[in-house]
Amino acid sequence: MSSVLAGMTTVSGAINSAISGSGSILSATVIADAKTADNALITIISVFEALLGISSTHAPVRARMTRDMVFVGAANPATGMTEAKALAILGVK
């Protein structure tokens, strides 16, 4: 499972790099959509980490989700998204 998380983290990093390096090439709408998708991915990564008891390397301690937060459907402190919202944004049904 950790290789899946590593892959998802790599994708998140690639999205961030693309956003940062795009300059004025991308429209504000495309950048906003990319940031929303990245936040959704970060939320899902945090959910997996919380359920597996893995310490996150991409979020400060105060922004980490806990198992209890996942079980009650709480929003990720770092992104403000719930798991359900993140999955919907990513098109997972």
Protein backbone atom coordinates (compact mmCIF):
# COMPACT_ATOMS: atom_id res chain seq x y z
CA MET A 1 0.00 0.00 0.00
CA SER A 2 2.86 2.41 0.67
CA SER A 3 3.84 2.28 -3.02
CA VAL A 4 0.32 3.48 -3.88
CA LEU A 5 0.70 6.37 -1.45
CA ALA A 6 4.12 7.15 -2.87
CA GLY A 7 2.65 7.21 -6.37
CA MET A 8 -0.20 9.48 -5.30
CA THR A 9 2.27 11.78 -3.56
CA THR A 10 4.38 11.87 -6.73
CA VAL A 11 1.32 12.87 -8.77
CA SER A 12 0.51 15.60 -6.26
CA GLY A 13 4.07 16.90 -6.50
CA ALA A 14 3.87 16.89 -10.30
CA ILE A 15 0.63 18.88 -10.20
CA ASN A 16 2.25 21.42 -7.87
CA SER A 17 5.29 21.70 -10.12
CA ALA A 18 3.10 22.20 -13.18
CA ILE A 19 1.10 24.90 -11.42
CA SER A 20 4.25 26.66 -10.22
CA GLY A 21 6.00 26.45 -13.56
CA SER A 22 3.07 27.40 -15.75
CA GLY A 23 3.46 31.14 -15.33
CA SER A 24 0.89 32.88 -17.51
CA ILE A 25 0.51 29.98 -19.94
CA LEU A 26 -2.50 28.54 -18.11
CA SER A 27 -5.71 30.42 -17.49
CA ALA A 28 -6.79 31.27 -13.96
CA THR A 29 -9.61 28.74 -14.29
CA VAL A 30 -7.25 25.92 -15.25
CA ILE A 31 -4.90 26.80 -12.39
CA ALA A 32 -7.81 26.90 -9.92
CA ASP A 33 -9.05 23.52 -11.16
CA ALA A 34 -5.55 22.04 -10.84
CA LYS A 35 -5.22 23.37 -7.30
CA THR A 36 -8.63 21.91 -6.40
CA ALA A 37 -7.64 18.53 -7.85
CA ASP A 38 -4.35 18.65 -5.95
CA ASN A 39 -6.15 19.45 -2.68
CA ALA A 40 -8.52 16.56 -3.32
CA LEU A 41 -5.58 14.23 -3.90
CA ILE A 42 -3.84 15.49 -0.76
CA THR A 43 -7.05 14.83 1.18
CA ILE A 44 -7.27 11.24 -0.09
CA ILE A 45 -3.59 10.66 0.70
CA SER A 46 -4.23 11.95 4.23
CA VAL A 47 -7.20 9.62 4.61
CA PHE A 48 -5.10 6.60 3.64
CA GLU A 49 -2.27 7.69 5.92
CA ALA A 50 -4.66 8.13 8.85
CA LEU A 51 -6.26 4.74 8.32
CA LEU A 52 -2.89 3.02 7.97
CA GLY A 53 -1.31 4.92 10.87
CA ILE A 54 1.43 6.37 8.66
CA SER A 55 2.97 9.73 9.53
CA SER A 56 2.56 12.20 6.72
CA THR A 57 5.63 13.78 5.22
CA HIS A 58 3.70 16.45 3.34
CA ALA A 59 1.59 17.94 6.11
CA PRO A 60 2.51 19.57 9.40
CA VAL A 61 1.41 17.71 12.52
CA ARG A 62 -1.48 20.10 13.17
CA ALA A 63 -2.80 19.50 9.63
CA ARG A 64 -2.78 15.69 9.74
CA MET A 65 -5.95 13.70 9.75
CA THR A 66 -6.57 11.07 12.39
CA ARG A 67 -8.51 7.83 12.12
CA ASP A 68 -11.28 9.35 14.23
CA MET A 69 -11.53 12.29 11.85
CA VAL A 70 -11.87 9.91 8.89
CA PHE A 71 -14.52 7.81 10.63
CA VAL A 72 -16.72 10.83 11.40
CA GLY A 73 -16.27 12.38 7.96
CA ALA A 74 -14.37 15.44 9.20
CA ALA A 75 -12.64 17.76 6.77
CA ASN A 76 -8.90 17.61 6.28
CA PRO A 77 -7.42 20.54 8.25
CA ALA A 78 -4.92 21.32 5.48
CA THR A 79 -7.38 21.37 2.57
CA GLY A 80 -10.78 21.90 4.17
CA MET A 81 -12.17 18.95 2.20
CA THR A 82 -13.94 15.87 3.42
CA GLU A 83 -13.13 12.49 1.95
CA ALA A 84 -16.50 12.45 0.16
CA LYS A 85 -15.89 15.88 -1.41
CA ALA A 86 -12.37 14.90 -2.50
CA LEU A 87 -13.59 11.68 -4.09
CA ALA A 88 -16.35 13.57 -5.92
CA ILE A 89 -13.84 16.12 -7.26
CA LEU A 90 -11.61 13.31 -8.49
CA GLY A 91 -14.58 11.64 -10.19
CA VAL A 92 -14.67 8.57 -7.96
CA LYS A 93 -18.18 7.20 -7.50
